[in-house]
C-alpha atoms as a PDB file:
ATOM      1  CA  MET A   1      -8.402 133.057 231.009  1.00  0.00           C
ATOM      2  CA  SER A   2      -9.851 135.691 233.260  1.00  0.00           C
ATOM      3  CA  VAL A   3      -7.865 138.743 234.342  1.00  0.00           C
ATOM      4  CA  LYS A   4      -7.622 137.200 237.807  1.00  0.00           C
ATOM      5  CA  ASP A   5      -6.107 134.011 236.359  1.00  0.00           C
ATOM      6  CA  VAL A   6      -3.639 135.921 234.199  1.00  0.00           C
ATOM      7  CA  LEU A   7      -2.465 138.095 237.076  1.00  0.00           C
ATOM      8  CA  ALA A   8      -2.153 135.046 239.358  1.00  0.00           C
ATOM      9  CA  HIS A   9      -0.061 133.263 236.711  1.00  0.00           C
ATOM     10  CA  ILE A  10       2.203 136.307 236.357  1.00  0.00           C
ATOM     11  CA  GLU A  11       2.646 136.575 240.115  1.00  0.00           C
ATOM     12  CA  GLU A  12       3.185 132.826 240.666  1.00  0.00           C
ATOM     13  CA  ASN A  13       5.844 132.703 237.969  1.00  0.00           C
ATOM     14  CA  ARG A  14       7.409 136.027 238.943  1.00  0.00           C
ATOM     15  CA  LEU A  15       7.036 137.346 235.410  1.00  0.00           C
ATOM     16  CA  ASP A  16       7.703 140.982 234.551  1.00  0.00           C
ATOM     17  CA  MET A  17       4.704 141.445 232.268  1.00  0.00           C
ATOM     18  CA  ILE A  18       2.445 144.073 233.804  1.00  0.00           C
ATOM     19  CA  GLY A  19       1.789 146.688 231.160  1.00  0.00           C
ATOM     20  CA  LYS A  20       2.818 144.300 228.392  1.00  0.00           C
ATOM     21  CA  ILE A  21      -0.236 142.057 228.288  1.00  0.00           C
ATOM     22  CA  TRP A  22      -2.998 144.587 227.674  1.00  0.00           C
ATOM     23  CA  GLN A  23      -3.936 145.729 224.201  1.00  0.00           C
ATOM     24  CA  ARG A  24      -4.126 149.513 223.908  1.00  0.00           C
ATOM     25  CA  ASN A  25      -7.628 150.856 223.242  1.00  0.00           C
ATOM     26  CA  TYR A  26      -9.163 147.404 223.485  1.00  0.00           C
ATOM     27  CA  PHE A  27     -12.783 147.024 224.466  1.00  0.00           C
ATOM     28  CA  GLU A  28     -15.110 144.063 224.664  1.00  0.00           C
ATOM     29  CA  ARG A  29     -18.374 143.792 222.824  1.00  0.00           C
ATOM     30  CA  VAL A  30     -21.154 141.304 223.427  1.00  0.00           C
ATOM     31  CA  ILE A  31     -22.560 139.793 220.237  1.00  0.00           C
ATOM     32  CA  ARG A  32     -26.277 139.828 220.915  1.00  0.00           C
ATOM     33  CA  ASN A  33     -27.803 138.514 217.697  1.00  0.00           C
ATOM     34  CA  GLU A  34     -27.144 137.342 214.139  1.00  0.00           C
ATOM     35  CA  GLN A  35     -27.122 140.916 212.781  1.00  0.00           C
ATOM     36  CA  ASP A  36     -24.422 141.934 215.285  1.00  0.00           C
ATOM     37  CA  LEU A  37     -22.397 138.895 214.241  1.00  0.00           C
ATOM     38  CA  GLU A  38     -22.763 139.674 210.541  1.00  0.00           C
ATOM     39  CA  ASN A  39     -21.763 143.319 211.111  1.00  0.00           C
ATOM     40  CA  ILE A  40     -18.619 142.189 212.931  1.00  0.00           C
ATOM     41  CA  ARG A  41     -17.791 139.677 210.203  1.00  0.00           C
ATOM     42  CA  THR A  42     -18.164 142.393 207.575  1.00  0.00           C
ATOM     43  CA  TYR A  43     -15.908 144.726 209.565  1.00  0.00           C
ATOM     44  CA  ILE A  44     -13.238 142.016 209.864  1.00  0.00           C
ATOM     45  CA  ARG A  45     -13.411 141.164 206.146  1.00  0.00           C
ATOM     46  CA  ASN A  46     -13.162 144.827 205.105  1.00  0.00           C
ATOM     47  CA  ASN A  47     -10.617 145.923 207.683  1.00  0.00           C
ATOM     48  CA  PRO A  48      -7.472 145.153 205.612  1.00  0.00           C
ATOM     49  CA  VAL A  49      -8.906 147.107 202.670  1.00  0.00           C
ATOM     50  CA  ASN A  50      -9.384 150.155 204.917  1.00  0.00           C
ATOM     51  CA  TRP A  51      -5.817 150.067 206.300  1.00  0.00           C
ATOM     52  CA  ASP A  52      -4.548 152.569 203.716  1.00  0.00           C
ATOM     53  CA  GLN A  53      -6.962 155.176 205.139  1.00  0.00           C
ATOM     54  CA  ASP A  54      -6.422 154.363 208.832  1.00  0.00           C
ATOM     55  CA  ASP A  55      -4.991 157.212 210.940  1.00  0.00           C
ATOM     56  CA  GLU A  56      -2.778 154.708 212.784  1.00  0.00           C
ATOM     57  CA  ASN A  57      -1.161 153.405 209.590  1.00  0.00           C
ATOM     58  CA  PRO A  58       2.355 154.876 209.635  1.00  0.00           C
ATOM     59  CA  LYS A  59       2.610 154.537 205.843  1.00  0.00           C
ATOM     60  CA  ARG A  60      -0.678 156.278 205.153  1.00  0.00           C
ATOM     61  CA  ILE A  61      -0.474 158.958 202.493  1.00  0.00           C
ATOM     62  CA  ARG A  62      -2.180 162.015 203.884  1.00  0.00           C
ATOM     63  CA  ARG A  63      -3.687 164.442 201.423  1.00  0.00           C
ATOM     64  CA  LYS A  64      -3.854 168.086 202.370  1.00  0.00           C
END
């Protein structure tokens, strides 16, 4: 759905969802070629492994 469609649906159904439907720090990226696609696939595959080092992981052990 487009943003316009989502907002129309919210308004038509009188839903209290503004501010609850957008992902924080989200950005779109256009996949332009096979190398871009492979880089994204690699990122997705490796992402869970990197969670222990992620600054947003509340259980991350920080070394001083």
